[in-house]
Amino acid sequence: MKKKNSRNEQSDINLFREEVGIIEQIDQDKIHPVTTSPKPVAKFRQQRIEHAFNSTFSDQYEPHTIGSEESLSFRRSGIQHRLFSRLRNGHLQIEAELDLHGMTVAISHQALAKFLQECQHDMLRCVRIVHGKGWSSKNQKPVLKTKLNSWLQQDDNVLAFCSAPIEDGGTGAVYVLLRRAKTSPNELSA
């Protein structure tokens, strides 16, 4: 229930109106921010993406155990010797880095798959992956180094990789050269 204004309140209101005078209404000149909500991701699409992370690399393919101080080197056919030499010497700009050092095989498997997919999405060309030398693992064997060697060779987007120079991790890290991502016309306009 609305209470009526007392006589004193009414006179105060009238006095205020006399003092202020005629009031002009001003149009609002503030900018209203336009917020867009993120596009929803379909549940089944998200499950397919997660499945792709988990099934990107096979553990069935593993040629041999690699030694802690052994250098890694791989390049697909068609990769020019000069480009591979620039990669090996650290003359290509490193655009991203992933540190797997100290992770379990399962966690590093997922982290690598996600990292490589993000690199492709961001159109990165050269990255560094730190895997460690395996000194603190059981029997002091480089488990992650061996797995990484196998996993990278299985990914078609990996054109080449090699152990980094001493100043960038030596035989405990690799430089990876990635295939240029193919862009569709829809992605360019987005």
N, C-alpha and C. Protein backbone atom coordinates (compact mmCIF):
# COMPACT_ATOMS: atom_id res chain seq x y z
N MET A 1 0.83 -1.18 0.00
CA MET A 1 0.00 0.00 0.00
C MET A 1 0.87 1.24 0.00
N LYS A 2 0.53 2.18 -0.87
CA LYS A 2 1.34 3.38 -1.02
C LYS A 2 0.92 4.41 0.02
N LYS A 3 1.91 4.97 0.67
CA LYS A 3 1.66 5.96 1.71
C LYS A 3 1.62 7.33 1.08
N LYS A 4 0.67 8.17 1.46
CA LYS A 4 0.57 9.54 0.94
C LYS A 4 1.67 10.39 1.55
N ASN A 5 2.18 11.31 0.74
CA ASN A 5 3.22 12.22 1.23
C ASN A 5 2.62 13.17 2.25
N SER A 6 3.36 13.42 3.32
CA SER A 6 2.91 14.39 4.32
C SER A 6 3.02 15.79 3.73
N ARG A 7 2.44 16.78 4.42
CA ARG A 7 2.43 18.15 3.94
C ARG A 7 3.86 18.69 3.82
N ASN A 8 4.75 18.36 4.79
CA ASN A 8 6.14 18.83 4.74
C ASN A 8 6.89 18.22 3.56
N GLU A 9 6.69 16.94 3.31
CA GLU A 9 7.35 16.28 2.18
C GLU A 9 6.89 16.88 0.86
N GLN A 10 5.59 17.19 0.76
CA GLN A 10 5.03 17.76 -0.46
C GLN A 10 5.61 19.15 -0.72
N SER A 11 5.76 19.93 0.36
CA SER A 11 6.31 21.28 0.17
C SER A 11 7.79 21.19 -0.23
N ASP A 12 8.52 20.21 0.30
CA ASP A 12 9.91 20.03 -0.08
C ASP A 12 10.03 19.69 -1.57
N ILE A 13 9.13 18.86 -2.05
CA ILE A 13 9.15 18.47 -3.46
C ILE A 13 8.84 19.68 -4.33
N ASN A 14 7.86 20.45 -3.95
CA ASN A 14 7.52 21.65 -4.72
C ASN A 14 8.66 22.66 -4.71
N LEU A 15 9.30 22.84 -3.56
CA LEU A 15 10.42 23.75 -3.45
C LEU A 15 11.57 23.29 -4.36
N PHE A 16 11.83 22.01 -4.40
CA PHE A 16 12.87 21.47 -5.28
C PHE A 16 12.55 21.76 -6.73
N ARG A 17 11.33 21.52 -7.14
CA ARG A 17 10.92 21.75 -8.53
C ARG A 17 11.06 23.22 -8.91
N GLU A 18 10.74 24.14 -7.97
CA GLU A 18 10.89 25.57 -8.25
C GLU A 18 12.35 25.93 -8.45
N GLU A 19 13.23 25.36 -7.64
CA GLU A 19 14.65 25.66 -7.74
C GLU A 19 15.27 25.11 -9.02
N VAL A 20 14.90 23.89 -9.38
CA VAL A 20 15.48 23.25 -10.55
C VAL A 20 14.96 23.87 -11.83
N GLY A 21 13.72 24.17 -11.87
CA GLY A 21 13.15 24.77 -13.06
C GLY A 21 12.69 23.71 -14.06
N ILE A 22 12.65 24.13 -15.32
CA ILE A 22 12.19 23.22 -16.37
C ILE A 22 13.30 22.21 -16.67
N ILE A 23 12.91 20.97 -16.80
CA ILE A 23 13.87 19.89 -17.03
C ILE A 23 13.73 19.40 -18.46
N GLU A 24 14.88 19.31 -19.14
CA GLU A 24 14.91 18.74 -20.49
C GLU A 24 15.46 17.33 -20.37
N GLN A 25 14.78 16.42 -21.03
CA GLN A 25 15.27 15.05 -21.02
C GLN A 25 16.37 14.91 -22.06
N ILE A 26 17.51 14.31 -21.67
CA ILE A 26 18.65 14.13 -22.56
C ILE A 26 18.67 12.68 -23.00
N ASP A 27 18.83 12.50 -24.32
CA ASP A 27 18.96 11.14 -24.82
C ASP A 27 20.27 10.54 -24.32
N GLN A 28 20.24 9.24 -24.04
CA GLN A 28 21.43 8.56 -23.55
C GLN A 28 22.45 8.48 -24.66
N ASP A 29 23.68 8.91 -24.34
CA ASP A 29 24.73 8.88 -25.35
C ASP A 29 25.81 7.83 -25.04
N LYS A 30 25.52 6.94 -24.13
CA LYS A 30 26.47 5.89 -23.80
C LYS A 30 26.35 4.75 -24.79
N ILE A 31 27.46 4.08 -24.99
CA ILE A 31 27.48 2.93 -25.89
C ILE A 31 27.15 1.69 -25.07
N HIS A 32 26.23 0.93 -25.55
CA HIS A 32 25.89 -0.33 -24.90
C HIS A 32 26.77 -1.42 -25.51
N PRO A 33 27.59 -2.08 -24.68
CA PRO A 33 28.45 -3.12 -25.25
C PRO A 33 27.63 -4.29 -25.75
N VAL A 34 28.05 -4.79 -26.90
CA VAL A 34 27.38 -5.95 -27.47
C VAL A 34 28.21 -7.16 -27.08
N THR A 35 27.62 -8.03 -26.30
CA THR A 35 28.33 -9.23 -25.88
C THR A 35 27.80 -10.41 -26.66
N THR A 36 28.73 -11.23 -27.08
CA THR A 36 28.33 -12.43 -27.79
C THR A 36 28.70 -13.63 -26.93
N SER A 37 27.80 -14.52 -26.83
CA SER A 37 28.09 -15.72 -26.06
C SER A 37 28.82 -16.71 -26.97
N PRO A 38 29.69 -17.53 -26.37
CA PRO A 38 30.42 -18.48 -27.21
C PRO A 38 29.48 -19.47 -27.87
N LYS A 39 29.89 -19.92 -29.04
CA LYS A 39 29.07 -20.88 -29.75
C LYS A 39 29.03 -22.19 -28.96
N PRO A 40 27.87 -22.77 -28.84
CA PRO A 40 27.80 -24.04 -28.10
C PRO A 40 28.47 -25.16 -28.87
N VAL A 41 29.10 -26.06 -28.13
CA VAL A 41 29.75 -27.21 -28.74
C VAL A 41 28.85 -28.42 -28.48
N ALA A 42 28.47 -29.08 -29.53
CA ALA A 42 27.60 -30.23 -29.40
C ALA A 42 28.28 -31.30 -28.55
N LYS A 43 27.50 -31.97 -27.74
CA LYS A 43 28.03 -32.98 -26.82
C LYS A 43 28.79 -34.07 -27.57
N PHE A 44 28.22 -34.58 -28.65
CA PHE A 44 28.86 -35.66 -29.39
C PHE A 44 30.11 -35.17 -30.10
N ARG A 45 30.14 -33.90 -30.55
CA ARG A 45 31.33 -33.35 -31.18
C ARG A 45 32.45 -33.26 -30.15
N GLN A 46 32.13 -32.82 -28.93
CA GLN A 46 33.13 -32.74 -27.87
C GLN A 46 33.68 -34.12 -27.55
N GLN A 47 32.82 -35.14 -27.55
CA GLN A 47 33.27 -36.50 -27.29
C GLN A 47 34.19 -36.99 -28.41
N ARG A 48 33.88 -36.62 -29.67
CA ARG A 48 34.75 -37.01 -30.78
C ARG A 48 36.12 -36.36 -30.66
N ILE A 49 36.15 -35.09 -30.25
CA ILE A 49 37.42 -34.39 -30.08
C ILE A 49 38.24 -35.06 -28.98
N GLU A 50 37.59 -35.37 -27.85
CA GLU A 50 38.30 -36.03 -26.75
C GLU A 50 38.79 -37.41 -27.18
N HIS A 51 37.98 -38.13 -27.96
CA HIS A 51 38.40 -39.44 -28.44
C HIS A 51 39.60 -39.31 -29.37
N ALA A 52 39.59 -38.26 -30.20
CA ALA A 52 40.72 -38.03 -31.11
C ALA A 52 42.00 -37.78 -30.33
N PHE A 53 41.91 -37.03 -29.20
CA PHE A 53 43.09 -36.80 -28.37
C PHE A 53 43.63 -38.13 -27.87
N ASN A 54 42.74 -39.00 -27.42
CA ASN A 54 43.16 -40.25 -26.80
C ASN A 54 43.64 -41.28 -27.80
N SER A 55 43.18 -41.21 -29.04
CA SER A 55 43.55 -42.24 -30.01
C SER A 55 44.48 -41.73 -31.11
N THR A 56 45.08 -40.56 -30.90
CA THR A 56 45.94 -39.99 -31.91
C THR A 56 47.18 -40.84 -32.15
N PHE A 57 47.77 -41.33 -31.08
CA PHE A 57 49.01 -42.08 -31.21
C PHE A 57 48.82 -43.49 -30.68
N SER A 58 49.46 -44.42 -31.34
CA SER A 58 49.39 -45.82 -30.95
C SER A 58 50.63 -46.19 -30.17
N ASP A 59 50.45 -46.98 -29.13
CA ASP A 59 51.59 -47.49 -28.38
C ASP A 59 52.10 -48.79 -28.96
N GLN A 60 51.43 -49.30 -29.98
CA GLN A 60 51.84 -50.56 -30.61
C GLN A 60 53.12 -50.38 -31.41
N TYR A 61 53.31 -49.18 -31.96
CA TYR A 61 54.48 -48.92 -32.79
C TYR A 61 55.59 -48.36 -31.91
N GLU A 62 56.60 -49.14 -31.64
CA GLU A 62 57.72 -48.68 -30.84
C GLU A 62 58.98 -49.43 -31.28
N PRO A 63 59.81 -48.83 -32.12
CA PRO A 63 60.92 -49.56 -32.71
C PRO A 63 61.93 -50.08 -31.70
N HIS A 64 62.45 -49.24 -30.84
CA HIS A 64 63.42 -49.67 -29.84
C HIS A 64 63.56 -48.59 -28.77
N THR A 65 64.12 -48.98 -27.65
CA THR A 65 64.35 -48.02 -26.58
C THR A 65 65.54 -47.14 -26.96
N ILE A 66 65.38 -45.86 -26.72
CA ILE A 66 66.39 -44.88 -27.09
C ILE A 66 67.18 -44.51 -25.84
N GLY A 67 68.47 -44.36 -25.99
CA GLY A 67 69.33 -44.00 -24.87
C GLY A 67 69.17 -42.54 -24.46
N SER A 68 69.54 -42.25 -23.22
CA SER A 68 69.40 -40.89 -22.67
C SER A 68 70.16 -39.85 -23.47
N GLU A 69 71.35 -40.19 -23.93
CA GLU A 69 72.18 -39.24 -24.65
C GLU A 69 72.08 -39.39 -26.17
N GLU A 70 71.23 -40.30 -26.62
CA GLU A 70 71.08 -40.52 -28.06
C GLU A 70 70.26 -39.39 -28.68
N SER A 71 70.69 -38.90 -29.81
CA SER A 71 69.97 -37.82 -30.52
C SER A 71 68.83 -38.40 -31.33
N LEU A 72 67.72 -37.67 -31.37
CA LEU A 72 66.58 -38.06 -32.19
C LEU A 72 66.66 -37.30 -33.51
N SER A 73 66.27 -37.95 -34.58
CA SER A 73 66.29 -37.32 -35.89
C SER A 73 65.31 -38.05 -36.80
N PHE A 74 64.40 -37.29 -37.41
CA PHE A 74 63.41 -37.86 -38.31
C PHE A 74 62.98 -36.78 -39.29
N ARG A 75 62.85 -37.16 -40.55
CA ARG A 75 62.26 -36.24 -41.53
C ARG A 75 61.56 -37.05 -42.60
N ARG A 76 60.43 -36.55 -43.01
CA ARG A 76 59.65 -37.21 -44.06
C ARG A 76 60.31 -36.95 -45.41
N SER A 77 60.01 -37.82 -46.36
CA SER A 77 60.56 -37.61 -47.69
C SER A 77 59.97 -36.31 -48.25
N GLY A 78 60.77 -35.60 -48.98
CA GLY A 78 60.33 -34.33 -49.55
C GLY A 78 60.77 -33.13 -48.75
N ILE A 79 61.23 -33.33 -47.53
CA ILE A 79 61.71 -32.21 -46.72
C ILE A 79 63.15 -31.91 -47.16
N GLN A 80 63.37 -30.68 -47.55
CA GLN A 80 64.68 -30.29 -48.07
C GLN A 80 65.76 -30.39 -47.00
N HIS A 81 66.94 -30.80 -47.44
CA HIS A 81 68.07 -30.93 -46.52
C HIS A 81 68.38 -29.60 -45.84
N ARG A 82 68.31 -28.51 -46.59
CA ARG A 82 68.62 -27.19 -46.04
C ARG A 82 67.64 -26.80 -44.94
N LEU A 83 66.34 -27.06 -45.13
CA LEU A 83 65.34 -26.75 -44.12
C LEU A 83 65.56 -27.60 -42.87
N PHE A 84 65.86 -28.87 -43.06
CA PHE A 84 66.12 -29.76 -41.93
C PHE A 84 67.38 -29.32 -41.18
N SER A 85 68.37 -28.87 -41.90
CA SER A 85 69.61 -28.39 -41.29
C SER A 85 69.33 -27.14 -40.45
N ARG A 86 68.50 -26.25 -40.95
CA ARG A 86 68.13 -25.04 -40.20
C ARG A 86 67.38 -25.42 -38.93
N LEU A 87 66.51 -26.43 -39.00
CA LEU A 87 65.79 -26.91 -37.82
C LEU A 87 66.78 -27.47 -36.80
N ARG A 88 67.65 -28.33 -37.25
CA ARG A 88 68.62 -29.00 -36.37
C ARG A 88 69.56 -27.99 -35.69
N ASN A 89 69.93 -26.94 -36.40
CA ASN A 89 70.85 -25.93 -35.84
C ASN A 89 70.15 -24.86 -35.01
N GLY A 90 68.82 -24.94 -34.93
CA GLY A 90 68.08 -23.96 -34.12
C GLY A 90 67.91 -22.62 -34.79
N HIS A 91 67.93 -22.60 -36.13
CA HIS A 91 67.81 -21.34 -36.86
C HIS A 91 66.36 -21.01 -37.24
N LEU A 92 65.41 -21.86 -36.88
CA LEU A 92 64.00 -21.55 -37.12
C LEU A 92 63.40 -21.01 -35.82
N GLN A 93 62.51 -20.05 -35.95
CA GLN A 93 61.90 -19.44 -34.77
C GLN A 93 60.96 -20.42 -34.08
N ILE A 94 61.17 -20.63 -32.79
CA ILE A 94 60.31 -21.50 -31.99
C ILE A 94 59.07 -20.70 -31.61
N GLU A 95 57.89 -21.19 -32.02
CA GLU A 95 56.66 -20.45 -31.80
C GLU A 95 55.87 -20.92 -30.58
N ALA A 96 56.17 -22.11 -30.08
CA ALA A 96 55.48 -22.62 -28.88
C ALA A 96 56.34 -23.71 -28.27
N GLU A 97 56.05 -24.03 -27.01
CA GLU A 97 56.81 -25.06 -26.31
C GLU A 97 55.89 -25.88 -25.42
N LEU A 98 56.19 -27.17 -25.35
CA LEU A 98 55.48 -28.08 -24.46
C LEU A 98 56.52 -28.78 -23.61
N ASP A 99 56.30 -28.77 -22.29
CA ASP A 99 57.23 -29.42 -21.37
C ASP A 99 56.57 -30.68 -20.81
N LEU A 100 57.02 -31.83 -21.25
CA LEU A 100 56.50 -33.12 -20.79
C LEU A 100 57.35 -33.68 -19.65
N HIS A 101 58.43 -33.02 -19.36
CA HIS A 101 59.40 -33.47 -18.37
C HIS A 101 58.71 -33.78 -17.04
N GLY A 102 58.85 -35.00 -16.57
CA GLY A 102 58.28 -35.40 -15.28
C GLY A 102 56.86 -35.92 -15.35
N MET A 103 56.21 -35.89 -16.51
CA MET A 103 54.83 -36.38 -16.64
C MET A 103 54.82 -37.90 -16.82
N THR A 104 53.67 -38.49 -16.51
CA THR A 104 53.50 -39.91 -16.80
C THR A 104 53.26 -40.09 -18.29
N VAL A 105 53.36 -41.32 -18.76
CA VAL A 105 53.14 -41.60 -20.19
C VAL A 105 51.72 -41.22 -20.59
N ALA A 106 50.74 -41.59 -19.77
CA ALA A 106 49.33 -41.32 -20.11
C ALA A 106 49.06 -39.82 -20.20
N ILE A 107 49.56 -39.06 -19.24
CA ILE A 107 49.32 -37.61 -19.23
C ILE A 107 50.07 -36.95 -20.38
N SER A 108 51.30 -37.37 -20.62
CA SER A 108 52.06 -36.77 -21.72
C SER A 108 51.46 -37.11 -23.07
N HIS A 109 50.86 -38.28 -23.19
CA HIS A 109 50.18 -38.69 -24.42
C HIS A 109 49.06 -37.72 -24.76
N GLN A 110 48.21 -37.42 -23.78
CA GLN A 110 47.11 -36.49 -23.99
C GLN A 110 47.62 -35.07 -24.21
N ALA A 111 48.60 -34.66 -23.43
CA ALA A 111 49.14 -33.30 -23.56
C ALA A 111 49.74 -33.08 -24.94
N LEU A 112 50.46 -34.08 -25.45
CA LEU A 112 51.07 -33.96 -26.78
C LEU A 112 50.01 -33.87 -27.87
N ALA A 113 49.00 -34.73 -27.80
CA ALA A 113 47.93 -34.71 -28.82
C ALA A 113 47.22 -33.37 -28.84
N LYS A 114 46.92 -32.85 -27.66
CA LYS A 114 46.23 -31.56 -27.56
C LYS A 114 47.13 -30.43 -28.06
N PHE A 115 48.39 -30.47 -27.67
CA PHE A 115 49.36 -29.44 -28.07
C PHE A 115 49.51 -29.40 -29.59
N LEU A 116 49.68 -30.55 -30.22
CA LEU A 116 49.85 -30.58 -31.67
C LEU A 116 48.60 -30.11 -32.39
N GLN A 117 47.44 -30.46 -31.85
CA GLN A 117 46.20 -30.01 -32.48
C GLN A 117 46.06 -28.48 -32.36
N GLU A 118 46.40 -27.93 -31.20
CA GLU A 118 46.34 -26.48 -31.02
C GLU A 118 47.35 -25.77 -31.93
N CYS A 119 48.52 -26.37 -32.09
CA CYS A 119 49.53 -25.78 -32.99
C CYS A 119 49.02 -25.74 -34.42
N GLN A 120 48.36 -26.81 -34.87
CA GLN A 120 47.78 -26.83 -36.21
C GLN A 120 46.70 -25.77 -36.34
N HIS A 121 45.87 -25.66 -35.31
CA HIS A 121 44.78 -24.67 -35.33
C HIS A 121 45.35 -23.26 -35.39
N ASP A 122 46.42 -23.01 -34.64
CA ASP A 122 47.03 -21.68 -34.60
C ASP A 122 48.04 -21.45 -35.73
N MET A 123 48.17 -22.44 -36.63
CA MET A 123 49.05 -22.37 -37.78
C MET A 123 50.51 -22.13 -37.39
N LEU A 124 50.96 -22.82 -36.36
CA LEU A 124 52.35 -22.71 -35.94
C LEU A 124 53.19 -23.67 -36.78
N ARG A 125 54.42 -23.31 -37.01
CA ARG A 125 55.28 -24.08 -37.92
C ARG A 125 56.39 -24.83 -37.19
N CYS A 126 56.99 -24.21 -36.17
CA CYS A 126 58.12 -24.82 -35.48
C CYS A 126 57.92 -24.72 -33.97
N VAL A 127 58.00 -25.85 -33.27
CA VAL A 127 57.79 -25.88 -31.82
C VAL A 127 58.89 -26.71 -31.16
N ARG A 128 59.01 -26.54 -29.84
CA ARG A 128 59.97 -27.32 -29.07
C ARG A 128 59.20 -28.14 -28.04
N ILE A 129 59.58 -29.39 -27.90
CA ILE A 129 58.98 -30.27 -26.90
C ILE A 129 60.10 -30.79 -26.01
N VAL A 130 59.96 -30.52 -24.71
CA VAL A 130 60.94 -30.98 -23.73
C VAL A 130 60.43 -32.29 -23.15
N HIS A 131 61.25 -33.34 -23.27
CA HIS A 131 60.84 -34.66 -22.78
C HIS A 131 61.73 -35.16 -21.66
N GLY A 132 62.86 -34.56 -21.45
CA GLY A 132 63.79 -34.98 -20.40
C GLY A 132 64.66 -36.13 -20.89
N LYS A 133 65.62 -36.51 -20.06
CA LYS A 133 66.55 -37.58 -20.44
C LYS A 133 66.27 -38.89 -19.73
N GLY A 134 65.33 -38.87 -18.80
CA GLY A 134 64.94 -40.11 -18.14
C GLY A 134 65.82 -40.52 -16.98
N TRP A 135 66.64 -39.63 -16.46
CA TRP A 135 67.53 -39.99 -15.35
C TRP A 135 66.76 -40.35 -14.09
N SER A 136 65.59 -39.76 -13.88
CA SER A 136 64.85 -40.04 -12.65
C SER A 136 63.78 -41.12 -12.82
N SER A 137 63.69 -41.72 -14.00
CA SER A 137 62.71 -42.79 -14.21
C SER A 137 63.28 -44.13 -13.76
N LYS A 138 62.41 -45.14 -13.72
CA LYS A 138 62.82 -46.47 -13.30
C LYS A 138 63.92 -47.00 -14.23
N ASN A 139 64.95 -47.55 -13.69
CA ASN A 139 66.11 -48.07 -14.43
C ASN A 139 66.85 -46.99 -15.22
N GLN A 140 66.55 -45.75 -14.95
CA GLN A 140 67.16 -44.61 -15.62
C GLN A 140 67.09 -44.73 -17.15
N LYS A 141 65.95 -45.23 -17.64
CA LYS A 141 65.71 -45.35 -19.08
C LYS A 141 64.77 -44.21 -19.49
N PRO A 142 65.02 -43.58 -20.62
CA PRO A 142 64.18 -42.46 -21.07
C PRO A 142 62.85 -42.95 -21.68
N VAL A 143 61.85 -43.15 -20.85
CA VAL A 143 60.56 -43.67 -21.30
C VAL A 143 59.86 -42.66 -22.21
N LEU A 144 59.75 -41.40 -21.76
CA LEU A 144 59.04 -40.40 -22.57
C LEU A 144 59.76 -40.11 -23.88
N LYS A 145 61.06 -40.12 -23.87
CA LYS A 145 61.82 -39.86 -25.08
C LYS A 145 61.53 -40.93 -26.13
N THR A 146 61.49 -42.19 -25.69
CA THR A 146 61.20 -43.29 -26.60
C THR A 146 59.78 -43.19 -27.14
N LYS A 147 58.82 -42.91 -26.24
CA LYS A 147 57.42 -42.77 -26.65
C LYS A 147 57.25 -41.60 -27.61
N LEU A 148 57.87 -40.47 -27.29
CA LEU A 148 57.74 -39.28 -28.12
C LEU A 148 58.28 -39.53 -29.52
N ASN A 149 59.39 -40.22 -29.62
CA ASN A 149 59.97 -40.57 -30.92
C ASN A 149 58.95 -41.36 -31.75
N SER A 150 58.29 -42.29 -31.12
CA SER A 150 57.28 -43.11 -31.80
C SER A 150 56.04 -42.29 -32.16
N TRP A 151 55.55 -41.52 -31.21
CA TRP A 151 54.31 -40.76 -31.43
C TRP A 151 54.48 -39.72 -32.54
N LEU A 152 55.59 -39.00 -32.54
CA LEU A 152 55.78 -37.95 -33.54
C LEU A 152 55.89 -38.52 -34.95
N GLN A 153 56.50 -39.70 -35.08
CA GLN A 153 56.61 -40.31 -36.40
C GLN A 153 55.24 -40.74 -36.94
N GLN A 154 54.28 -40.99 -36.06
CA GLN A 154 52.94 -41.43 -36.47
C GLN A 154 52.04 -40.27 -36.91
N ASP A 155 52.37 -39.06 -36.51
CA ASP A 155 51.52 -37.91 -36.83
C ASP A 155 51.87 -37.36 -38.21
N ASP A 156 50.90 -37.36 -39.12
CA ASP A 156 51.13 -36.88 -40.48
C ASP A 156 51.44 -35.39 -40.55
N ASN A 157 51.04 -34.63 -39.52
CA ASN A 157 51.31 -33.20 -39.50
C ASN A 157 52.73 -32.88 -39.06
N VAL A 158 53.46 -33.87 -38.57
CA VAL A 158 54.86 -33.68 -38.19
C VAL A 158 55.72 -34.01 -39.41
N LEU A 159 56.39 -33.00 -39.94
CA LEU A 159 57.23 -33.18 -41.12
C LEU A 159 58.63 -33.64 -40.74
N ALA A 160 59.12 -33.13 -39.62
CA ALA A 160 60.47 -33.49 -39.19
C ALA A 160 60.62 -33.14 -37.72
N PHE A 161 61.56 -33.83 -37.07
CA PHE A 161 61.95 -33.45 -35.71
C PHE A 161 63.37 -33.91 -35.47
N CYS A 162 64.02 -33.23 -34.52
CA CYS A 162 65.40 -33.58 -34.17
C CYS A 162 65.70 -33.06 -32.78
N SER A 163 66.70 -33.66 -32.16
CA SER A 163 67.13 -33.20 -30.84
C SER A 163 67.61 -31.76 -30.94
N ALA A 164 67.34 -31.01 -29.89
CA ALA A 164 67.71 -29.59 -29.87
C ALA A 164 69.20 -29.43 -29.57
N PRO A 165 69.77 -28.27 -29.90
CA PRO A 165 71.15 -27.99 -29.50
C PRO A 165 71.26 -27.94 -27.97
N ILE A 166 72.46 -28.04 -27.47
CA ILE A 166 72.73 -28.08 -26.03
C ILE A 166 72.04 -26.92 -25.29
N GLU A 167 72.12 -25.71 -25.85
CA GLU A 167 71.56 -24.54 -25.16
C GLU A 167 70.04 -24.56 -25.07
N ASP A 168 69.36 -25.40 -25.85
CA ASP A 168 67.90 -25.50 -25.81
C ASP A 168 67.40 -26.83 -25.26
N GLY A 169 68.26 -27.55 -24.58
CA GLY A 169 67.82 -28.80 -23.96
C GLY A 169 68.59 -30.02 -24.43
N GLY A 170 69.35 -29.89 -25.49
CA GLY A 170 70.15 -31.00 -25.99
C GLY A 170 69.31 -32.24 -26.28
N THR A 171 69.77 -33.39 -25.82
CA THR A 171 69.06 -34.64 -26.09
C THR A 171 67.85 -34.83 -25.18
N GLY A 172 67.51 -33.81 -24.39
CA GLY A 172 66.32 -33.85 -23.54
C GLY A 172 65.17 -33.05 -24.13
N ALA A 173 65.32 -32.58 -25.37
CA ALA A 173 64.27 -31.79 -26.03
C ALA A 173 64.36 -31.99 -27.54
N VAL A 174 63.26 -31.77 -28.22
CA VAL A 174 63.26 -31.87 -29.69
C VAL A 174 62.62 -30.62 -30.30
N TYR A 175 63.14 -30.26 -31.45
CA TYR A 175 62.50 -29.27 -32.31
C TYR A 175 61.60 -30.04 -33.26
N VAL A 176 60.40 -29.53 -33.48
CA VAL A 176 59.45 -30.20 -34.36
C VAL A 176 59.00 -29.22 -35.45
N LEU A 177 59.08 -29.67 -36.69
CA LEU A 177 58.62 -28.89 -37.84
C LEU A 177 57.25 -29.44 -38.24
N LEU A 178 56.25 -28.56 -38.23
CA LEU A 178 54.87 -28.98 -38.51
C LEU A 178 54.44 -28.58 -39.92
N ARG A 179 53.54 -29.38 -40.46
CA ARG A 179 52.95 -29.11 -41.77
C ARG A 179 52.12 -27.83 -41.67
N ARG A 180 52.16 -27.05 -42.73
CA ARG A 180 51.32 -25.84 -42.76
C ARG A 180 49.86 -26.26 -42.76
N ALA A 181 49.08 -25.62 -41.89
CA ALA A 181 47.66 -25.95 -41.80
C ALA A 181 46.94 -25.48 -43.05
N LYS A 182 46.03 -26.30 -43.50
CA LYS A 182 45.19 -25.92 -44.64
C LYS A 182 44.02 -25.12 -44.10
N THR A 183 43.76 -23.96 -44.70
CA THR A 183 42.65 -23.12 -44.25
C THR A 183 41.55 -23.15 -45.28
N SER A 184 40.35 -23.16 -44.78
CA SER A 184 39.20 -23.10 -45.67
C SER A 184 38.75 -21.66 -45.79
N PRO A 185 38.00 -21.30 -46.83
CA PRO A 185 37.53 -19.93 -47.00
C PRO A 185 36.68 -19.46 -45.81
N ASN A 186 35.96 -20.37 -45.17
CA ASN A 186 35.13 -20.00 -44.02
C ASN A 186 36.00 -19.57 -42.85
N GLU A 187 37.15 -20.21 -42.65
CA GLU A 187 38.02 -19.87 -41.54
C GLU A 187 38.68 -18.51 -41.76
N LEU A 188 38.95 -18.15 -43.02
CA LEU A 188 39.59 -16.89 -43.29
C LEU A 188 38.66 -15.71 -43.00
N SER A 189 37.37 -15.89 -43.21
CA SER A 189 36.44 -14.78 -42.98
C SER A 189 36.02 -14.67 -41.54
N ALA A 190 36.30 -15.67 -40.74
CA ALA A 190 35.88 -15.63 -39.33
C ALA A 190 36.75 -14.72 -38.51
